[in-house]
Amino acid sequence: MAKDYREFSPKGCVIYCDPPYKETKDYISAKDFNHPEFWQTMREWSCDNVVLISELQAPEDFTAVWERGVDQSMKAKEHFRATEKLFIKCQT
């Protein structure tokens, strides 16, 4: 079940987030997704949790811990290669 991440205040959890990928096709349910707000929340959650975020790119203070090339398509004749990654917050 998908829920809005802003509904939670986790502590001591392992969390997997799969936000709408930035600079890709918008889904109707996430048309106004606020990426800067999302990443700031992930920074805050990372203080008390292990947070894994699936994305194609992330702010510089996040590190990719896994990646894999995938074929993506929006239409039958339009395919492109992308690299999906899992990011965590770098600890300073």
C-alpha atoms as a PDB file:
ATOM      1  CA  MET A   1       0.000   0.000   0.000  1.00  0.00           C
ATOM      2  CA  ALA A   2       1.381   3.424  -0.947  1.00  0.00           C
ATOM      3  CA  LYS A   3       1.129   6.221   1.606  1.00  0.00           C
ATOM      4  CA  ASP A   4       2.326   9.780   1.809  1.00  0.00           C
ATOM      5  CA  TYR A   5       5.692   9.829   3.579  1.00  0.00           C
ATOM      6  CA  ARG A   6       4.662  13.003   5.432  1.00  0.00           C
ATOM      7  CA  GLU A   7       2.188  10.912   7.452  1.00  0.00           C
ATOM      8  CA  PHE A   8       5.021   9.185   9.349  1.00  0.00           C
ATOM      9  CA  SER A   9       7.565  10.017  12.066  1.00  0.00           C
ATOM     10  CA  PRO A  10       9.665   6.825  12.227  1.00  0.00           C
ATOM     11  CA  LYS A  11      12.280   6.021  14.875  1.00  0.00           C
ATOM     12  CA  GLY A  12      14.585   2.986  14.881  1.00  0.00           C
ATOM     13  CA  CYS A  13      13.348   1.610  11.560  1.00  0.00           C
ATOM     14  CA  VAL A  14      14.696   0.386   8.253  1.00  0.00           C
ATOM     15  CA  ILE A  15      12.800   2.366   5.622  1.00  0.00           C
ATOM     16  CA  TYR A  16      12.561   1.916   1.861  1.00  0.00           C
ATOM     17  CA  CYS A  17      11.278   4.910  -0.116  1.00  0.00           C
ATOM     18  CA  ASP A  18      10.402   4.850  -3.800  1.00  0.00           C
ATOM     19  CA  PRO A  19       9.466   8.424  -4.715  1.00  0.00           C
ATOM     20  CA  PRO A  20       8.493   9.551  -8.213  1.00  0.00           C
ATOM     21  CA  TYR A  21      11.766   9.839 -10.102  1.00  0.00           C
ATOM     22  CA  LYS A  22      12.802  13.435 -10.695  1.00  0.00           C
ATOM     23  CA  GLU A  23      12.806  14.642 -14.303  1.00  0.00           C
ATOM     24  CA  THR A  24      10.806  11.679 -15.576  1.00  0.00           C
ATOM     25  CA  LYS A  25       7.161  11.326 -16.569  1.00  0.00           C
ATOM     26  CA  ASP A  26       4.827  12.601 -13.840  1.00  0.00           C
ATOM     27  CA  TYR A  27       2.206  10.223 -12.538  1.00  0.00           C
ATOM     28  CA  ILE A  28      -1.214  11.699 -11.884  1.00  0.00           C
ATOM     29  CA  SER A  29      -1.067  10.693  -8.206  1.00  0.00           C
ATOM     30  CA  ALA A  30       2.286  12.475  -7.754  1.00  0.00           C
ATOM     31  CA  LYS A  31       1.993  15.397 -10.141  1.00  0.00           C
ATOM     32  CA  ASP A  32       3.017  18.027  -7.575  1.00  0.00           C
ATOM     33  CA  PHE A  33       5.630  15.969  -5.745  1.00  0.00           C
ATOM     34  CA  ASN A  34       8.030  18.274  -3.901  1.00  0.00           C
ATOM     35  CA  HIS A  35      11.492  16.745  -4.358  1.00  0.00           C
ATOM     36  CA  PRO A  36      13.442  19.237  -2.184  1.00  0.00           C
ATOM     37  CA  GLU A  37      10.981  18.721   0.685  1.00  0.00           C
ATOM     38  CA  PHE A  38      11.244  14.937   0.278  1.00  0.00           C
ATOM     39  CA  TRP A  39      15.064  14.949   0.445  1.00  0.00           C
ATOM     40  CA  GLN A  40      15.036  17.203   3.522  1.00  0.00           C
ATOM     41  CA  THR A  41      12.663  14.777   5.243  1.00  0.00           C
ATOM     42  CA  MET A  42      14.966  11.879   4.301  1.00  0.00           C
ATOM     43  CA  ARG A  43      17.877  13.754   5.924  1.00  0.00           C
ATOM     44  CA  GLU A  44      15.843  14.129   9.107  1.00  0.00           C
ATOM     45  CA  TRP A  45      14.706  10.500   9.101  1.00  0.00           C
ATOM     46  CA  SER A  46      18.287   9.322   8.548  1.00  0.00           C
ATOM     47  CA  CYS A  47      19.264  10.629  11.993  1.00  0.00           C
ATOM     48  CA  ASP A  48      17.214   7.888  13.727  1.00  0.00           C
ATOM     49  CA  ASN A  49      16.692   5.288  10.979  1.00  0.00           C
ATOM     50  CA  VAL A  50      18.305   3.448   8.093  1.00  0.00           C
ATOM     51  CA  VAL A  51      16.703   4.999   5.025  1.00  0.00           C
ATOM     52  CA  LEU A  52      17.081   3.545   1.521  1.00  0.00           C
ATOM     53  CA  ILE A  53      15.801   5.678  -1.348  1.00  0.00           C
ATOM     54  CA  SER A  54      15.250   4.384  -4.881  1.00  0.00           C
ATOM     55  CA  GLU A  55      15.993   7.106  -7.453  1.00  0.00           C
ATOM     56  CA  LEU A  56      18.032   7.883 -10.546  1.00  0.00           C
ATOM     57  CA  GLN A  57      19.841  10.764  -8.858  1.00  0.00           C
ATOM     58  CA  ALA A  58      20.184  12.248  -5.382  1.00  0.00           C
ATOM     59  CA  PRO A  59      21.640  15.283  -3.629  1.00  0.00           C
ATOM     60  CA  GLU A  60      25.407  15.197  -2.992  1.00  0.00           C
ATOM     61  CA  ASP A  61      25.053  14.283   0.689  1.00  0.00           C
ATOM     62  CA  PHE A  62      23.524  10.904  -0.275  1.00  0.00           C
ATOM     63  CA  THR A  63      25.568   7.922  -1.469  1.00  0.00           C
ATOM     64  CA  ALA A  64      24.562   5.218  -3.928  1.00  0.00           C
ATOM     65  CA  VAL A  65      24.945   1.792  -2.286  1.00  0.00           C
ATOM     66  CA  TRP A  66      23.489  -0.217  -5.185  1.00  0.00           C
ATOM     67  CA  GLU A  67      22.765   0.391  -8.849  1.00  0.00           C
ATOM     68  CA  ARG A  68      21.498  -1.456 -11.899  1.00  0.00           C
ATOM     69  CA  GLY A  69      20.900  -0.497 -15.514  1.00  0.00           C
ATOM     70  CA  VAL A  70      17.304  -0.904 -16.654  1.00  0.00           C
ATOM     71  CA  ASP A  71      15.419  -0.417 -19.893  1.00  0.00           C
ATOM     72  CA  GLN A  72      12.570   2.041 -19.572  1.00  0.00           C
ATOM     73  CA  SER A  73       9.830   2.981 -21.989  1.00  0.00           C
ATOM     74  CA  MET A  74       6.871   5.291 -22.045  1.00  0.00           C
ATOM     75  CA  LYS A  75       5.580   4.259 -25.445  1.00  0.00           C
ATOM     76  CA  ALA A  76       5.926   1.094 -27.500  1.00  0.00           C
ATOM     77  CA  LYS A  77       8.687   2.540 -29.725  1.00  0.00           C
ATOM     78  CA  GLU A  78      10.480   4.781 -27.203  1.00  0.00           C
ATOM     79  CA  HIS A  79      12.997   2.942 -25.028  1.00  0.00           C
ATOM     80  CA  PHE A  80      15.963   4.278 -23.118  1.00  0.00           C
ATOM     81  CA  ARG A  81      18.523   2.955 -20.666  1.00  0.00           C
ATOM     82  CA  ALA A  82      18.634   4.364 -17.124  1.00  0.00           C
ATOM     83  CA  THR A  83      20.505   3.465 -13.957  1.00  0.00           C
ATOM     84  CA  GLU A  84      18.286   2.924 -10.958  1.00  0.00           C
ATOM     85  CA  LYS A  85      20.078   3.346  -7.637  1.00  0.00           C
ATOM     86  CA  LEU A  86      19.533   2.935  -3.921  1.00  0.00           C
ATOM     87  CA  PHE A  87      20.824   5.867  -1.892  1.00  0.00           C
ATOM     88  CA  ILE A  88      21.552   6.382   1.792  1.00  0.00           C
ATOM     89  CA  LYS A  89      22.451   9.550   3.664  1.00  0.00           C
ATOM     90  CA  CYS A  90      26.191  10.044   4.115  1.00  0.00           C
ATOM     91  CA  GLN A  91      27.044  10.287   7.788  1.00  0.00           C
ATOM     92  CA  THR A  92      29.299  13.228   8.654  1.00  0.00           C
END
